[in-house]
PDB file of N, CA and C in Angstrom:
ATOM      1  N   UNK A   1      -0.752 -10.535  17.241  1.00  0.00           N
ATOM      2  CA  UNK A   1      -1.749  -9.707  18.369  1.00  0.00           C
ATOM      3  C   UNK A   1      -3.089  -9.600  17.831  1.00  0.00           C
ATOM      4  N   UNK A   2      -3.923  -9.562  18.542  1.00  0.00           N
ATOM      5  CA  UNK A   2      -5.220  -9.566  17.864  1.00  0.00           C
ATOM      6  C   UNK A   2      -5.687  -7.984  17.800  1.00  0.00           C
ATOM      7  N   UNK A   3      -6.544  -7.786  16.968  1.00  0.00           N
ATOM      8  CA  UNK A   3      -6.871  -6.118  16.960  1.00  0.00           C
ATOM      9  C   UNK A   3      -7.919  -5.998  18.241  1.00  0.00           C
ATOM     10  N   UNK A   4      -8.009  -5.193  18.814  1.00  0.00           N
ATOM     11  CA  UNK A   4      -8.610  -4.686  19.913  1.00  0.00           C
ATOM     12  C   UNK A   4      -8.934  -3.101  19.834  1.00  0.00           C
ATOM     13  N   UNK A   5      -9.769  -2.740  20.700  1.00  0.00           N
ATOM     14  CA  UNK A   5     -10.144  -1.524  20.803  1.00  0.00           C
ATOM     15  C   UNK A   5      -8.911  -0.425  21.157  1.00  0.00           C
ATOM     16  N   UNK A   6      -7.958  -0.993  21.940  1.00  0.00           N
ATOM     17  CA  UNK A   6      -6.873  -0.305  22.761  1.00  0.00           C
ATOM     18  C   UNK A   6      -5.600  -0.463  21.455  1.00  0.00           C
ATOM     19  N   UNK A   7      -5.620  -1.134  20.226  1.00  0.00           N
ATOM     20  CA  UNK A   7      -4.515  -0.998  19.274  1.00  0.00           C
ATOM     21  C   UNK A   7      -5.142  -1.099  18.266  1.00  0.00           C
ATOM     22  N   UNK A   8      -6.289  -0.485  17.836  1.00  0.00           N
ATOM     23  CA  UNK A   8      -7.191  -0.239  16.498  1.00  0.00           C
ATOM     24  C   UNK A   8      -6.293   1.031  15.796  1.00  0.00           C
ATOM     25  N   UNK A   9      -5.651   1.750  16.425  1.00  0.00           N
ATOM     26  CA  UNK A   9      -4.852   2.908  15.941  1.00  0.00           C
ATOM     27  C   UNK A   9      -3.769   2.505  15.096  1.00  0.00           C
ATOM     28  N   UNK A  10      -3.023   1.526  16.284  1.00  0.00           N
ATOM     29  CA  UNK A  10      -1.514   1.103  15.704  1.00  0.00           C
ATOM     30  C   UNK A  10      -1.899  -0.123  14.608  1.00  0.00           C
ATOM     31  N   UNK A  11      -2.769  -0.676  14.515  1.00  0.00           N
ATOM     32  CA  UNK A  11      -3.254  -1.635  13.334  1.00  0.00           C
ATOM     33  C   UNK A  11      -3.370  -0.864  12.200  1.00  0.00           C
ATOM     34  N   UNK A  12      -4.099   0.371  12.010  1.00  0.00           N
ATOM     35  CA  UNK A  12      -4.444   1.236  10.961  1.00  0.00           C
ATOM     36  C   UNK A  12      -3.321   1.452  10.365  1.00  0.00           C
ATOM     37  N   UNK A  13      -2.392   2.239  11.429  1.00  0.00           N
ATOM     38  CA  UNK A  13      -1.183   3.189  10.796  1.00  0.00           C
ATOM     39  C   UNK A  13      -0.306   1.833  10.317  1.00  0.00           C
ATOM     40  N   UNK A  14      -0.007   0.585  10.983  1.00  0.00           N
ATOM     41  CA  UNK A  14       0.692  -0.663  10.463  1.00  0.00           C
ATOM     42  C   UNK A  14       0.344  -0.738   8.916  1.00  0.00           C
ATOM     43  N   UNK A  15      -1.088  -0.944   8.639  1.00  0.00           N
ATOM     44  CA  UNK A  15      -1.291  -1.229   7.305  1.00  0.00           C
ATOM     45  C   UNK A  15      -1.058  -0.318   6.404  1.00  0.00           C
ATOM     46  N   UNK A  16      -1.561   1.091   6.815  1.00  0.00           N
ATOM     47  CA  UNK A  16      -1.182   2.346   5.844  1.00  0.00           C
ATOM     48  C   UNK A  16       0.349   2.513   5.548  1.00  0.00           C
ATOM     49  N   UNK A  17       1.024   2.036   6.477  1.00  0.00           N
ATOM     50  CA  UNK A  17       2.447   2.044   6.356  1.00  0.00           C
ATOM     51  C   UNK A  17       2.801   0.903   5.435  1.00  0.00           C
ATOM     52  N   UNK A  18       2.573  -0.170   5.142  1.00  0.00           N
ATOM     53  CA  UNK A  18       2.717  -1.363   4.652  1.00  0.00           C
ATOM     54  C   UNK A  18       1.886  -1.030   3.196  1.00  0.00           C
ATOM     55  N   UNK A  19       0.820  -0.627   3.253  1.00  0.00           N
ATOM     56  CA  UNK A  19       0.032  -0.200   1.822  1.00  0.00           C
ATOM     57  C   UNK A  19       0.898   0.918   0.879  1.00  0.00           C
ATOM     58  N   UNK A  20       1.434   2.070   1.643  1.00  0.00           N
ATOM     59  CA  UNK A  20       2.406   2.842   0.873  1.00  0.00           C
ATOM     60  C   UNK A  20       3.780   1.959   0.550  1.00  0.00           C
ATOM     61  N   UNK A  21       4.392   1.589   1.041  1.00  0.00           N
ATOM     62  CA  UNK A  21       5.525   0.771   1.386  1.00  0.00           C
ATOM     63  C   UNK A  21       5.606  -0.214  -0.048  1.00  0.00           C
ATOM     64  N   UNK A  22       4.125  -1.096   0.021  1.00  0.00           N
ATOM     65  CA  UNK A  22       4.145  -1.882  -1.463  1.00  0.00           C
ATOM     66  C   UNK A  22       3.864  -0.988  -2.500  1.00  0.00           C
ATOM     67  N   UNK A  23       3.113   0.050  -2.540  1.00  0.00           N
ATOM     68  CA  UNK A  23       2.934   0.613  -3.583  1.00  0.00           C
ATOM     69  C   UNK A  23       4.271   1.172  -4.083  1.00  0.00           C
ATOM     70  N   UNK A  24       4.972   1.654  -3.278  1.00  0.00           N
ATOM     71  CA  UNK A  24       5.990   2.203  -3.759  1.00  0.00           C
ATOM     72  C   UNK A  24       7.093   1.359  -4.325  1.00  0.00           C
ATOM     73  N   UNK A  25       7.221   0.010  -3.576  1.00  0.00           N
ATOM     74  CA  UNK A  25       8.082  -1.074  -4.130  1.00  0.00           C
ATOM     75  C   UNK A  25       7.485  -1.410  -5.284  1.00  0.00           C
ATOM     76  N   UNK A  26       6.304  -1.696  -5.859  1.00  0.00           N
ATOM     77  CA  UNK A  26       6.030  -2.000  -6.862  1.00  0.00           C
ATOM     78  C   UNK A  26       6.185  -0.937  -8.275  1.00  0.00           C
ATOM     79  N   UNK A  27       5.982   0.331  -7.888  1.00  0.00           N
ATOM     80  CA  UNK A  27       6.485   1.125  -8.690  1.00  0.00           C
ATOM     81  C   UNK A  27       7.642   1.113  -8.899  1.00  0.00           C
ATOM     82  N   UNK A  28       8.673   0.925  -8.140  1.00  0.00           N
ATOM     83  CA  UNK A  28      10.135   0.700  -8.111  1.00  0.00           C
ATOM     84  C   UNK A  28      10.659  -0.642  -9.155  1.00  0.00           C
ATOM     85  N   UNK A  29       9.739  -1.585  -8.802  1.00  0.00           N
ATOM     86  CA  UNK A  29      10.066  -2.905  -9.977  1.00  0.00           C
ATOM     87  C   UNK A  29       9.515  -2.606 -11.379  1.00  0.00           C
ATOM     88  N   UNK A  30       8.266  -1.385 -11.378  1.00  0.00           N
ATOM     89  CA  UNK A  30       7.954  -1.217 -12.558  1.00  0.00           C
ATOM     90  C   UNK A  30       8.973  -0.496 -13.446  1.00  0.00           C
ATOM     91  N   UNK A  31       9.820   0.681 -12.811  1.00  0.00           N
ATOM     92  CA  UNK A  31      10.875   1.319 -13.455  1.00  0.00           C
ATOM     93  C   UNK A  31      12.073   0.276 -13.950  1.00  0.00           C
ATOM     94  N   UNK A  32      12.195  -0.587 -12.794  1.00  0.00           N
ATOM     95  CA  UNK A  32      13.233  -1.322 -13.202  1.00  0.00           C
ATOM     96  C   UNK A  32      12.983  -2.306 -14.604  1.00  0.00           C
ATOM     97  N   UNK A  33      11.718  -2.915 -14.557  1.00  0.00           N
ATOM     98  CA  UNK A  33      11.429  -3.483 -15.895  1.00  0.00           C
ATOM     99  C   UNK A  33      11.310  -2.770 -17.102  1.00  0.00           C
ATOM    100  N   UNK A  34      10.957  -1.343 -16.751  1.00  0.00           N
ATOM    101  CA  UNK A  34      10.857  -0.801 -17.994  1.00  0.00           C
ATOM    102  C   UNK A  34      12.294  -0.176 -18.415  1.00  0.00           C
ATOM    103  N   UNK A  35      13.284  -0.245 -17.541  1.00  0.00           N
ATOM    104  CA  UNK A  35      14.698  -0.086 -17.910  1.00  0.00           C
ATOM    105  C   UNK A  35      15.028  -1.334 -18.495  1.00  0.00           C
ATOM    106  N   UNK A  36      14.474  -2.445 -18.382  1.00  0.00           N
ATOM    107  CA  UNK A  36      15.195  -3.781 -19.201  1.00  0.00           C
ATOM    108  C   UNK A  36      14.652  -4.127 -20.060  1.00  0.00           C
ATOM    109  N   UNK A  37      13.341  -3.125 -20.689  1.00  0.00           N
ATOM    110  CA  UNK A  37      12.766  -3.220 -21.827  1.00  0.00           C
ATOM    111  C   UNK A  37      11.455  -4.015 -21.719  1.00  0.00           C
ATOM    112  N   UNK A  38      10.854  -4.134 -20.842  1.00  0.00           N
ATOM    113  CA  UNK A  38       9.572  -4.702 -20.463  1.00  0.00           C
ATOM    114  C   UNK A  38       8.567  -3.170 -20.144  1.00  0.00           C
ATOM    115  N   UNK A  39       7.632  -3.178 -20.685  1.00  0.00           N
ATOM    116  CA  UNK A  39       6.648  -2.049 -20.465  1.00  0.00           C
ATOM    117  C   UNK A  39       5.349  -2.836 -19.481  1.00  0.00           C
ATOM    118  N   UNK A  40       5.413  -2.766 -18.284  1.00  0.00           N
ATOM    119  CA  UNK A  40       4.432  -3.338 -17.520  1.00  0.00           C
ATOM    120  C   UNK A  40       3.924  -2.186 -16.407  1.00  0.00           C
ATOM    121  N   UNK A  41       2.753  -2.181 -16.705  1.00  0.00           N
ATOM    122  CA  UNK A  41       1.724  -1.210 -16.103  1.00  0.00           C
ATOM    123  C   UNK A  41       0.465  -1.915 -15.211  1.00  0.00           C
ATOM    124  N   UNK A  42       0.527  -2.311 -14.376  1.00  0.00           N
ATOM    125  CA  UNK A  42      -0.905  -2.970 -13.708  1.00  0.00           C
ATOM    126  C   UNK A  42      -1.430  -1.899 -12.919  1.00  0.00           C
ATOM    127  N   UNK A  43      -0.989  -0.867 -12.785  1.00  0.00           N
ATOM    128  CA  UNK A  43      -1.700   0.048 -11.574  1.00  0.00           C
ATOM    129  C   UNK A  43      -3.065   0.557 -12.134  1.00  0.00           C
ATOM    130  N   UNK A  44      -3.975   0.688 -11.438  1.00  0.00           N
ATOM    131  CA  UNK A  44      -5.292   1.389 -11.326  1.00  0.00           C
ATOM    132  C   UNK A  44      -5.147   2.842 -11.216  1.00  0.00           C
ATOM    133  N   UNK A  45      -6.220   3.632 -11.747  1.00  0.00           N
ATOM    134  CA  UNK A  45      -6.022   4.806 -11.431  1.00  0.00           C
ATOM    135  C   UNK A  45      -6.146   5.585  -9.945  1.00  0.00           C
ATOM    136  N   UNK A  46      -6.029   6.708  -9.804  1.00  0.00           N
ATOM    137  CA  UNK A  46      -5.704   7.016  -8.439  1.00  0.00           C
ATOM    138  C   UNK A  46      -7.264   6.593  -7.560  1.00  0.00           C
ATOM    139  N   UNK A  47      -6.930   6.010  -6.524  1.00  0.00           N
ATOM    140  CA  UNK A  47      -7.640   5.763  -5.543  1.00  0.00           C
ATOM    141  C   UNK A  47      -7.710   6.470  -4.040  1.00  0.00           C
ATOM    142  N   UNK A  48      -8.580   7.210  -3.911  1.00  0.00           N
ATOM    143  CA  UNK A  48      -8.867   7.973  -2.467  1.00  0.00           C
ATOM    144  C   UNK A  48      -9.942   8.717  -2.168  1.00  0.00           C
ATOM    145  N   UNK A  49      -9.847   9.792  -1.610  1.00  0.00           N
ATOM    146  CA  UNK A  49     -10.957  10.689  -1.178  1.00  0.00           C
ATOM    147  C   UNK A  49     -10.645  12.298  -1.550  1.00  0.00           C
ATOM    148  N   UNK A  50     -11.610  12.931  -1.648  1.00  0.00           N
ATOM    149  CA  UNK A  50     -11.055  14.451  -1.935  1.00  0.00           C
ATOM    150  C   UNK A  50     -12.099  15.214  -0.928  1.00  0.00           C
ATOM    151  N   UNK A  51     -11.666  15.595   0.083  1.00  0.00           N
ATOM    152  CA  UNK A  51     -12.506  16.580   0.962  1.00  0.00           C
ATOM    153  C   UNK A  51     -12.185  18.096   0.379  1.00  0.00           C
ATOM    154  N   UNK A  52     -12.876  18.999   0.942  1.00  0.00           N
ATOM    155  CA  UNK A  52     -12.598  20.529   0.378  1.00  0.00           C
ATOM    156  C   UNK A  52     -11.238  20.789   0.958  1.00  0.00           C
ATOM    157  N   UNK A  53     -11.056  20.144   1.848  1.00  0.00           N
ATOM    158  CA  UNK A  53      -9.767  20.976   2.833  1.00  0.00           C
ATOM    159  C   UNK A  53      -8.433  19.961   2.560  1.00  0.00           C
ATOM    160  N   UNK A  54      -8.965  18.469   2.309  1.00  0.00           N
ATOM    161  CA  UNK A  54      -7.840  17.364   2.159  1.00  0.00           C
ATOM    162  C   UNK A  54      -8.306  16.546   1.193  1.00  0.00           C
ATOM    163  N   UNK A  55      -7.067  16.086   0.397  1.00  0.00           N
ATOM    164  CA  UNK A  55      -7.163  15.152  -0.751  1.00  0.00           C
ATOM    165  C   UNK A  55      -6.108  14.114  -0.715  1.00  0.00           C
ATOM    166  N   UNK A  56      -6.332  12.904  -0.429  1.00  0.00           N
ATOM    167  CA  UNK A  56      -5.627  11.885  -0.279  1.00  0.00           C
ATOM    168  C   UNK A  56      -6.047  10.704  -1.656  1.00  0.00           C
ATOM    169  N   UNK A  57      -4.819  10.708  -2.354  1.00  0.00           N
ATOM    170  CA  UNK A  57      -5.189   9.787  -3.389  1.00  0.00           C
ATOM    171  C   UNK A  57      -3.906   8.727  -3.680  1.00  0.00           C
ATOM    172  N   UNK A  58      -3.979   7.564  -4.050  1.00  0.00           N
ATOM    173  CA  UNK A  58      -2.885   6.556  -4.035  1.00  0.00           C
ATOM    174  C   UNK A  58      -3.223   5.830  -5.249  1.00  0.00           C
ATOM    175  N   UNK A  59      -1.972   5.523  -5.964  1.00  0.00           N
ATOM    176  CA  UNK A  59      -1.958   4.843  -7.237  1.00  0.00           C
ATOM    177  C   UNK A  59      -2.434   3.348  -6.843  1.00  0.00           C
ATOM    178  N   UNK A  60      -3.381   2.735  -7.016  1.00  0.00           N
ATOM    179  CA  UNK A  60      -3.068   1.415  -6.472  1.00  0.00           C
ATOM    180  C   UNK A  60      -2.775   0.202  -7.644  1.00  0.00           C
ATOM    181  N   UNK A  61      -1.968  -0.781  -7.088  1.00  0.00           N
ATOM    182  CA  UNK A  61      -1.219  -1.723  -8.138  1.00  0.00           C
ATOM    183  C   UNK A  61      -1.279  -3.031  -7.395  1.00  0.00           C
ATOM    184  N   UNK A  62      -0.924  -4.054  -7.587  1.00  0.00           N
ATOM    185  CA  UNK A  62      -0.418  -5.039  -7.004  1.00  0.00           C
ATOM    186  C   UNK A  62       0.326  -5.121  -5.566  1.00  0.00           C
ATOM    187  N   UNK A  63       1.343  -4.160  -5.872  1.00  0.00           N
ATOM    188  CA  UNK A  63       2.220  -4.292  -4.682  1.00  0.00           C
ATOM    189  C   UNK A  63       1.281  -3.438  -3.487  1.00  0.00           C
ATOM    190  N   UNK A  64       0.537  -2.462  -3.518  1.00  0.00           N
ATOM    191  CA  UNK A  64      -0.802  -2.083  -2.664  1.00  0.00           C
ATOM    192  C   UNK A  64      -1.386  -3.456  -1.925  1.00  0.00           C
ATOM    193  N   UNK A  65      -1.833  -4.325  -2.779  1.00  0.00           N
ATOM    194  CA  UNK A  65      -2.365  -5.263  -1.964  1.00  0.00           C
ATOM    195  C   UNK A  65      -1.641  -6.255  -1.190  1.00  0.00           C
ATOM    196  N   UNK A  66      -0.352  -6.754  -1.747  1.00  0.00           N
ATOM    197  CA  UNK A  66       0.712  -7.408  -1.226  1.00  0.00           C
ATOM    198  C   UNK A  66       1.010  -6.392   0.103  1.00  0.00           C
ATOM    199  N   UNK A  67       1.221  -5.400   0.165  1.00  0.00           N
ATOM    200  CA  UNK A  67       1.678  -4.634   1.069  1.00  0.00           C
ATOM    201  C   UNK A  67       0.797  -4.398   2.549  1.00  0.00           C
ATOM    202  N   UNK A  68      -0.378  -4.593   2.039  1.00  0.00           N
ATOM    203  CA  UNK A  68      -1.379  -4.885   3.000  1.00  0.00           C
ATOM    204  C   UNK A  68      -1.467  -6.233   3.494  1.00  0.00           C
ATOM    205  N   UNK A  69      -1.194  -7.183   2.734  1.00  0.00           N
ATOM    206  CA  UNK A  69      -1.299  -8.446   3.050  1.00  0.00           C
ATOM    207  C   UNK A  69      -0.101  -8.515   4.208  1.00  0.00           C
ATOM    208  N   UNK A  70       0.925  -8.105   3.773  1.00  0.00           N
ATOM    209  CA  UNK A  70       2.312  -8.472   4.669  1.00  0.00           C
ATOM    210  C   UNK A  70       2.151  -7.283   5.810  1.00  0.00           C
ATOM    211  N   UNK A  71       1.270  -6.455   5.855  1.00  0.00           N
ATOM    212  CA  UNK A  71       1.027  -5.741   7.099  1.00  0.00           C
ATOM    213  C   UNK A  71       0.199  -6.404   8.077  1.00  0.00           C
ATOM    214  N   UNK A  72      -0.959  -7.226   7.368  1.00  0.00           N
ATOM    215  CA  UNK A  72      -1.783  -7.705   8.404  1.00  0.00           C
ATOM    216  C   UNK A  72      -1.096  -8.872   8.759  1.00  0.00           C
ATOM    217  N   UNK A  73      -0.207 -10.065   8.277  1.00  0.00           N
ATOM    218  CA  UNK A  73       0.363 -10.900   8.457  1.00  0.00           C
ATOM    219  C   UNK A  73       1.488 -10.482   9.838  1.00  0.00           C
ATOM    220  N   UNK A  74       1.854  -9.347   9.473  1.00  0.00           N
ATOM    221  CA  UNK A  74       3.192  -9.106  10.451  1.00  0.00           C
ATOM    222  C   UNK A  74       2.377  -8.681  11.881  1.00  0.00           C
ATOM    223  N   UNK A  75       1.436  -7.981  11.534  1.00  0.00           N
ATOM    224  CA  UNK A  75       0.788  -7.308  12.892  1.00  0.00           C
ATOM    225  C   UNK A  75       0.218  -8.524  13.748  1.00  0.00           C
ATOM    226  N   UNK A  76      -0.422  -9.596  13.076  1.00  0.00           N
ATOM    227  CA  UNK A  76      -0.835 -10.611  14.140  1.00  0.00           C
ATOM    228  C   UNK A  76       0.081 -11.484  14.261  1.00  0.00           C
ATOM    229  N   UNK A  77       1.476 -11.613  13.722  1.00  0.00           N
ATOM    230  CA  UNK A  77       2.755 -12.277  14.281  1.00  0.00           C
ATOM    231  C   UNK A  77       3.380 -11.426  15.622  1.00  0.00           C
ATOM    232  N   UNK A  78       3.119 -10.294  15.663  1.00  0.00           N
ATOM    233  CA  UNK A  78       3.616  -9.459  16.888  1.00  0.00           C
ATOM    234  C   UNK A  78       2.919  -9.939  18.240  1.00  0.00           C
TER     235      UNK A  78
END
């Protein structure tokens, strides 16, 4: 599906969902590797924005980028 003015909201929600899912999946992989004896931490500090009323931060890691890529590909396959 192509991104148009009619579906830009769905596209943004799709990417955000996969971004969060990829981030959480990568954190789970890091916990499993830590339990196996490997200390792997490829996370970047918190990325986000802080308005006085709303503050949104996410810990960016390779899963974040992979999640966005998978979300982009799946949206275009629909």
